[in-house]
Amino acid sequence: MASRRGRVVEQAGPWGFVFFLAYIGAAIYFVSESDGGFWGVILGLLQAIVWPVYVIFWVLTEIGA
């Protein structure tokens, strides 16, 4: 039986890097705004993960969607 080999081309690599840089920037911002305690830093890292959700929510709220 002949094996069939396919070629996979991943074209989303640059966007992954952009999102990674956005997360790093958000993490630096939210951690610097925290009180510096352990749970403040953990909360800042969690906020860095979900901040795009808040941006989309407020944009949709402002445009009346």
Foldseek 3Di string as FASTA:
>chain_A
DDDDDDDDDDDCVVVVVVLVVQLVVQLVVQLVPFPVDPVSSVVSSVCSVCVVVVVVVVVCVVVVD
